Amino acid sequence: MLDAQHHLIDPDGAAEVGVHRAQLHRMERHGHLDRIGRGLYRLHDAPETWHQQTLAAIKLAKPPAQASHRAVARLLGVPTYEASRPEITIPSKRTFRREGVIVHQSRDIAHVPPV
């Protein structure tokens, strides 16, 4: 499960496999997890990757946030778009900031199916 989520886990995902929120906090205190944002953790020994940073930005920005622009091109394997930073789009009435993440806003994001 964690491989598919790029070594990220949130309380909902943890609950699906029988891990309670208190256990996540305990794992963080013991150095097994690193808290990277509110309600989002990364396995302590997992390498930090571009894919992980992009997924973390999407999860922290909350639905319907999506990867966008050059990030989508990179996720789809377009070789000419080697995005150096995660790039996401969020609804225009919301704000989200995270160091190293390019954030766009759209009024139409609710009408765009996720890739």
N, C-alpha and C. Protein backbone atom coordinates (compact mmCIF):
# COMPACT_ATOMS: atom_id res chain seq x y z
N MET A 1 0.81 -1.19 0.00
CA MET A 1 0.00 0.00 0.00
C MET A 1 0.86 1.26 0.00
N LEU A 2 1.89 1.29 0.85
CA LEU A 2 2.71 2.50 0.94
C LEU A 2 3.53 2.73 -0.32
N ASP A 3 3.91 1.67 -1.02
CA ASP A 3 4.62 1.86 -2.28
C ASP A 3 3.74 2.60 -3.28
N ALA A 4 2.47 2.21 -3.37
CA ALA A 4 1.55 2.86 -4.30
C ALA A 4 1.30 4.31 -3.93
N GLN A 5 1.44 4.64 -2.65
CA GLN A 5 1.24 6.00 -2.17
C GLN A 5 2.57 6.74 -1.99
N HIS A 6 3.63 6.21 -2.59
CA HIS A 6 4.97 6.83 -2.52
C HIS A 6 5.42 7.05 -1.08
N HIS A 7 5.13 6.05 -0.23
CA HIS A 7 5.54 6.03 1.18
C HIS A 7 4.88 7.12 2.01
N LEU A 8 3.72 7.57 1.58
CA LEU A 8 2.94 8.55 2.34
C LEU A 8 1.75 7.84 2.98
N ILE A 9 1.36 8.29 4.15
CA ILE A 9 0.19 7.72 4.81
C ILE A 9 -0.56 8.82 5.55
N ASP A 10 -1.88 8.74 5.47
CA ASP A 10 -2.73 9.67 6.21
C ASP A 10 -3.64 8.85 7.12
N PRO A 11 -4.34 9.48 8.04
CA PRO A 11 -5.18 8.71 8.97
C PRO A 11 -6.22 7.84 8.28
N ASP A 12 -6.82 8.31 7.18
CA ASP A 12 -7.81 7.49 6.48
C ASP A 12 -7.18 6.25 5.88
N GLY A 13 -6.04 6.42 5.22
CA GLY A 13 -5.35 5.27 4.64
C GLY A 13 -4.87 4.30 5.70
N ALA A 14 -4.41 4.83 6.81
CA ALA A 14 -3.96 3.98 7.91
C ALA A 14 -5.13 3.17 8.47
N ALA A 15 -6.28 3.82 8.63
CA ALA A 15 -7.46 3.13 9.17
C ALA A 15 -7.88 1.97 8.28
N GLU A 16 -7.69 2.12 6.96
CA GLU A 16 -8.06 1.05 6.03
C GLU A 16 -7.27 -0.23 6.28
N VAL A 17 -6.08 -0.09 6.85
CA VAL A 17 -5.26 -1.28 7.13
C VAL A 17 -5.16 -1.55 8.63
N GLY A 18 -6.08 -0.95 9.41
CA GLY A 18 -6.17 -1.24 10.84
C GLY A 18 -5.23 -0.47 11.74
N VAL A 19 -4.65 0.62 11.25
CA VAL A 19 -3.76 1.44 12.07
C VAL A 19 -4.54 2.68 12.51
N HIS A 20 -4.60 2.89 13.82
CA HIS A 20 -5.36 4.01 14.36
C HIS A 20 -4.50 5.28 14.43
N ARG A 21 -5.18 6.40 14.50
CA ARG A 21 -4.52 7.71 14.56
C ARG A 21 -3.49 7.78 15.70
N ALA A 22 -3.84 7.23 16.86
CA ALA A 22 -2.92 7.24 18.00
C ALA A 22 -1.64 6.47 17.67
N GLN A 23 -1.78 5.40 16.89
CA GLN A 23 -0.60 4.63 16.49
C GLN A 23 0.29 5.44 15.55
N LEU A 24 -0.31 6.24 14.68
CA LEU A 24 0.48 7.11 13.80
C LEU A 24 1.29 8.10 14.63
N HIS A 25 0.66 8.69 15.63
CA HIS A 25 1.37 9.64 16.49
C HIS A 25 2.51 8.95 17.23
N ARG A 26 2.25 7.74 17.70
CA ARG A 26 3.30 6.98 18.40
C ARG A 26 4.46 6.66 17.45
N MET A 27 4.14 6.27 16.23
CA MET A 27 5.18 5.97 15.25
C MET A 27 6.00 7.22 14.92
N GLU A 28 5.35 8.38 14.91
CA GLU A 28 6.08 9.63 14.68
C GLU A 28 7.01 9.91 15.86
N ARG A 29 6.50 9.78 17.07
CA ARG A 29 7.33 10.03 18.27
C ARG A 29 8.55 9.12 18.33
N HIS A 30 8.39 7.88 17.85
CA HIS A 30 9.49 6.92 17.89
C HIS A 30 10.41 7.01 16.67
N GLY A 31 10.14 7.96 15.77
CA GLY A 31 11.03 8.19 14.64
C GLY A 31 10.79 7.31 13.43
N HIS A 32 9.66 6.61 13.39
CA HIS A 32 9.35 5.76 12.23
C HIS A 32 8.65 6.53 11.11
N LEU A 33 7.99 7.62 11.49
CA LEU A 33 7.28 8.46 10.52
C LEU A 33 7.73 9.91 10.69
N ASP A 34 7.74 10.64 9.58
CA ASP A 34 7.99 12.08 9.61
C ASP A 34 6.69 12.77 9.23
N ARG A 35 6.27 13.73 10.03
CA ARG A 35 5.06 14.49 9.71
C ARG A 35 5.45 15.54 8.68
N ILE A 36 4.79 15.50 7.52
CA ILE A 36 5.14 16.46 6.47
C ILE A 36 4.07 17.52 6.27
N GLY A 37 2.99 17.38 6.98
CA GLY A 37 1.90 18.34 6.91
C GLY A 37 0.78 17.85 7.80
N ARG A 38 -0.24 18.66 7.95
CA ARG A 38 -1.35 18.28 8.82
C ARG A 38 -2.01 17.00 8.31
N GLY A 39 -1.91 15.95 9.12
CA GLY A 39 -2.55 14.68 8.79
C GLY A 39 -1.85 13.89 7.70
N LEU A 40 -0.58 14.17 7.43
CA LEU A 40 0.14 13.43 6.40
C LEU A 40 1.54 13.10 6.88
N TYR A 41 1.89 11.84 6.72
CA TYR A 41 3.18 11.35 7.20
C TYR A 41 3.92 10.63 6.08
N ARG A 42 5.25 10.57 6.22
CA ARG A 42 6.12 9.85 5.29
C ARG A 42 6.95 8.88 6.12
N LEU A 43 7.16 7.69 5.59
CA LEU A 43 8.05 6.75 6.27
C LEU A 43 9.40 7.41 6.44
N HIS A 44 9.96 7.32 7.63
CA HIS A 44 11.20 8.04 7.95
C HIS A 44 12.35 7.70 7.01
N ASP A 45 12.53 6.44 6.67
CA ASP A 45 13.66 6.02 5.85
C ASP A 45 13.39 6.07 4.35
N ALA A 46 12.18 6.46 3.96
CA ALA A 46 11.83 6.48 2.53
C ALA A 46 12.53 7.64 1.84
N PRO A 47 13.03 7.42 0.63
CA PRO A 47 13.64 8.52 -0.10
C PRO A 47 12.58 9.54 -0.50
N GLU A 48 12.94 10.81 -0.49
CA GLU A 48 12.02 11.85 -0.91
C GLU A 48 12.14 11.99 -2.42
N THR A 49 11.03 11.81 -3.12
CA THR A 49 11.02 11.85 -4.58
C THR A 49 10.08 12.94 -5.09
N TRP A 50 10.23 13.27 -6.36
CA TRP A 50 9.35 14.24 -6.99
C TRP A 50 7.91 13.74 -6.96
N HIS A 51 7.70 12.46 -7.25
CA HIS A 51 6.35 11.90 -7.23
C HIS A 51 5.74 12.02 -5.83
N GLN A 52 6.54 11.74 -4.82
CA GLN A 52 6.07 11.84 -3.44
C GLN A 52 5.71 13.28 -3.10
N GLN A 53 6.55 14.22 -3.50
CA GLN A 53 6.27 15.64 -3.23
C GLN A 53 4.99 16.10 -3.92
N THR A 54 4.78 15.62 -5.15
CA THR A 54 3.58 15.99 -5.89
C THR A 54 2.34 15.42 -5.23
N LEU A 55 2.38 14.13 -4.87
CA LEU A 55 1.24 13.51 -4.20
C LEU A 55 0.98 14.17 -2.85
N ALA A 56 2.03 14.50 -2.12
CA ALA A 56 1.86 15.17 -0.83
C ALA A 56 1.17 16.52 -1.01
N ALA A 57 1.57 17.28 -2.01
CA ALA A 57 0.95 18.59 -2.26
C ALA A 57 -0.53 18.43 -2.57
N ILE A 58 -0.88 17.43 -3.38
CA ILE A 58 -2.28 17.19 -3.72
C ILE A 58 -3.07 16.80 -2.48
N LYS A 59 -2.52 15.88 -1.68
CA LYS A 59 -3.22 15.44 -0.47
C LYS A 59 -3.37 16.58 0.54
N LEU A 60 -2.34 17.39 0.71
CA LEU A 60 -2.41 18.48 1.68
C LEU A 60 -3.34 19.61 1.22
N ALA A 61 -3.44 19.81 -0.09
CA ALA A 61 -4.33 20.84 -0.62
C ALA A 61 -5.79 20.39 -0.58
N LYS A 62 -6.02 19.10 -0.45
CA LYS A 62 -7.36 18.49 -0.35
C LYS A 62 -8.09 18.51 -1.69
N PRO A 63 -8.99 17.53 -1.90
CA PRO A 63 -9.77 17.48 -3.13
C PRO A 63 -10.57 18.77 -3.32
N PRO A 64 -10.72 19.18 -4.54
CA PRO A 64 -10.39 18.53 -5.80
C PRO A 64 -9.02 18.92 -6.37
N ALA A 65 -8.04 19.23 -5.53
CA ALA A 65 -6.70 19.57 -6.04
C ALA A 65 -6.19 18.46 -6.95
N GLN A 66 -5.49 18.86 -7.99
CA GLN A 66 -4.96 17.90 -8.97
C GLN A 66 -3.59 18.35 -9.44
N ALA A 67 -2.80 17.37 -9.87
CA ALA A 67 -1.55 17.69 -10.56
C ALA A 67 -1.93 18.44 -11.83
N SER A 68 -1.09 19.37 -12.25
CA SER A 68 -1.44 20.14 -13.44
C SER A 68 -0.21 20.60 -14.20
N HIS A 69 -0.46 21.12 -15.37
CA HIS A 69 0.54 21.72 -16.23
C HIS A 69 1.71 20.77 -16.49
N ARG A 70 2.94 21.24 -16.22
CA ARG A 70 4.13 20.43 -16.49
C ARG A 70 4.17 19.15 -15.66
N ALA A 71 3.57 19.19 -14.46
CA ALA A 71 3.56 17.98 -13.62
C ALA A 71 2.77 16.86 -14.30
N VAL A 72 1.65 17.20 -14.92
CA VAL A 72 0.86 16.18 -15.62
C VAL A 72 1.65 15.64 -16.80
N ALA A 73 2.31 16.52 -17.52
CA ALA A 73 3.13 16.05 -18.65
C ALA A 73 4.18 15.06 -18.16
N ARG A 74 4.83 15.38 -17.06
CA ARG A 74 5.85 14.47 -16.52
C ARG A 74 5.23 13.15 -16.07
N LEU A 75 4.09 13.22 -15.39
CA LEU A 75 3.42 11.99 -14.94
C LEU A 75 3.00 11.11 -16.11
N LEU A 76 2.68 11.75 -17.24
CA LEU A 76 2.29 11.00 -18.43
C LEU A 76 3.48 10.55 -19.27
N GLY A 77 4.67 10.91 -18.83
CA GLY A 77 5.87 10.43 -19.50
C GLY A 77 6.34 11.28 -20.66
N VAL A 78 5.86 12.50 -20.78
CA VAL A 78 6.32 13.38 -21.85
C VAL A 78 7.77 13.77 -21.53
N PRO A 79 8.72 13.34 -22.36
CA PRO A 79 10.13 13.52 -22.01
C PRO A 79 10.62 14.96 -22.00
N THR A 80 9.95 15.85 -22.69
CA THR A 80 10.43 17.23 -22.75
C THR A 80 9.99 18.06 -21.55
N TYR A 81 9.17 17.52 -20.70
CA TYR A 81 8.68 18.25 -19.53
C TYR A 81 9.19 17.60 -18.26
N GLU A 82 10.40 17.93 -17.90
CA GLU A 82 11.01 17.42 -16.68
C GLU A 82 10.78 18.47 -15.59
N ALA A 83 9.57 18.47 -15.04
CA ALA A 83 9.21 19.48 -14.04
C ALA A 83 10.13 19.39 -12.83
N SER A 84 10.68 20.51 -12.45
CA SER A 84 11.57 20.49 -11.30
C SER A 84 10.80 20.61 -10.00
N ARG A 85 9.63 21.20 -10.05
CA ARG A 85 8.83 21.34 -8.83
C ARG A 85 7.43 20.79 -9.08
N PRO A 86 6.79 20.25 -8.05
CA PRO A 86 5.40 19.82 -8.21
C PRO A 86 4.54 21.02 -8.60
N GLU A 87 3.54 20.74 -9.40
CA GLU A 87 2.65 21.79 -9.89
C GLU A 87 1.22 21.28 -9.76
N ILE A 88 0.38 22.02 -9.03
CA ILE A 88 -0.99 21.58 -8.81
C ILE A 88 -1.96 22.72 -9.10
N THR A 89 -3.22 22.35 -9.30
CA THR A 89 -4.29 23.33 -9.46
C THR A 89 -5.32 23.09 -8.37
N ILE A 90 -5.78 24.19 -7.78
CA ILE A 90 -6.80 24.14 -6.73
C ILE A 90 -7.95 25.05 -7.14
N PRO A 91 -9.11 24.92 -6.49
CA PRO A 91 -10.22 25.83 -6.81
C PRO A 91 -9.83 27.29 -6.55
N SER A 92 -10.37 28.18 -7.35
CA SER A 92 -9.98 29.59 -7.27
C SER A 92 -10.36 30.26 -5.95
N LYS A 93 -11.31 29.73 -5.23
CA LYS A 93 -11.71 30.35 -3.96
C LYS A 93 -10.91 29.82 -2.78
N ARG A 94 -9.93 29.00 -3.05
CA ARG A 94 -9.11 28.44 -1.97
C ARG A 94 -7.69 28.94 -2.06
N THR A 95 -6.98 28.88 -0.95
CA THR A 95 -5.56 29.20 -0.97
C THR A 95 -4.79 28.00 -0.45
N PHE A 96 -3.58 27.85 -0.95
CA PHE A 96 -2.70 26.77 -0.50
C PHE A 96 -1.28 27.21 -0.82
N ARG A 97 -0.43 27.08 0.16
CA ARG A 97 0.99 27.39 -0.04
C ARG A 97 1.81 26.26 0.54
N ARG A 98 2.82 25.88 -0.21
CA ARG A 98 3.78 24.89 0.29
C ARG A 98 5.09 25.18 -0.42
N GLU A 99 6.14 25.28 0.34
CA GLU A 99 7.44 25.58 -0.24
C GLU A 99 7.78 24.57 -1.33
N GLY A 100 8.23 25.09 -2.47
CA GLY A 100 8.65 24.24 -3.57
C GLY A 100 7.53 23.79 -4.50
N VAL A 101 6.29 24.20 -4.23
CA VAL A 101 5.15 23.77 -5.04
C VAL A 101 4.60 24.97 -5.81
N ILE A 102 4.39 24.78 -7.10
CA ILE A 102 3.75 25.81 -7.93
C ILE A 102 2.24 25.56 -7.85
N VAL A 103 1.49 26.57 -7.45
CA VAL A 103 0.04 26.42 -7.27
C VAL A 103 -0.70 27.33 -8.25
N HIS A 104 -1.61 26.72 -9.01
CA HIS A 104 -2.48 27.46 -9.92
C HIS A 104 -3.89 27.39 -9.35
N GLN A 105 -4.73 28.33 -9.76
CA GLN A 105 -6.12 28.32 -9.33
C GLN A 105 -7.02 28.30 -10.55
N SER A 106 -8.16 27.61 -10.42
CA SER A 106 -9.09 27.50 -11.53
C SER A 106 -10.52 27.51 -11.01
N ARG A 107 -11.38 28.20 -11.76
CA ARG A 107 -12.82 28.16 -11.43
C ARG A 107 -13.45 26.89 -11.96
N ASP A 108 -12.80 26.22 -12.90
CA ASP A 108 -13.39 25.08 -13.59
C ASP A 108 -12.85 23.73 -13.12
N ILE A 109 -12.07 23.69 -12.06
CA ILE A 109 -11.43 22.44 -11.66
C ILE A 109 -12.44 21.34 -11.33
N ALA A 110 -13.61 21.71 -10.84
CA ALA A 110 -14.62 20.70 -10.50
C ALA A 110 -15.11 19.96 -11.74
N HIS A 111 -14.91 20.54 -12.92
CA HIS A 111 -15.39 19.94 -14.16
C HIS A 111 -14.30 19.15 -14.89
N VAL A 112 -13.12 19.09 -14.31
CA VAL A 112 -12.01 18.40 -14.96
C VAL A 112 -11.82 17.04 -14.30
N PRO A 113 -11.93 15.95 -15.08
CA PRO A 113 -11.73 14.63 -14.47
C PRO A 113 -10.26 14.43 -14.11
N PRO A 114 -9.97 13.77 -12.97
CA PRO A 114 -8.58 13.51 -12.60
C PRO A 114 -7.90 12.61 -13.62
N VAL A 115 -6.60 12.80 -13.79
CA VAL A 115 -5.83 11.97 -14.72
C VAL A 115 -5.46 10.68 -14.03
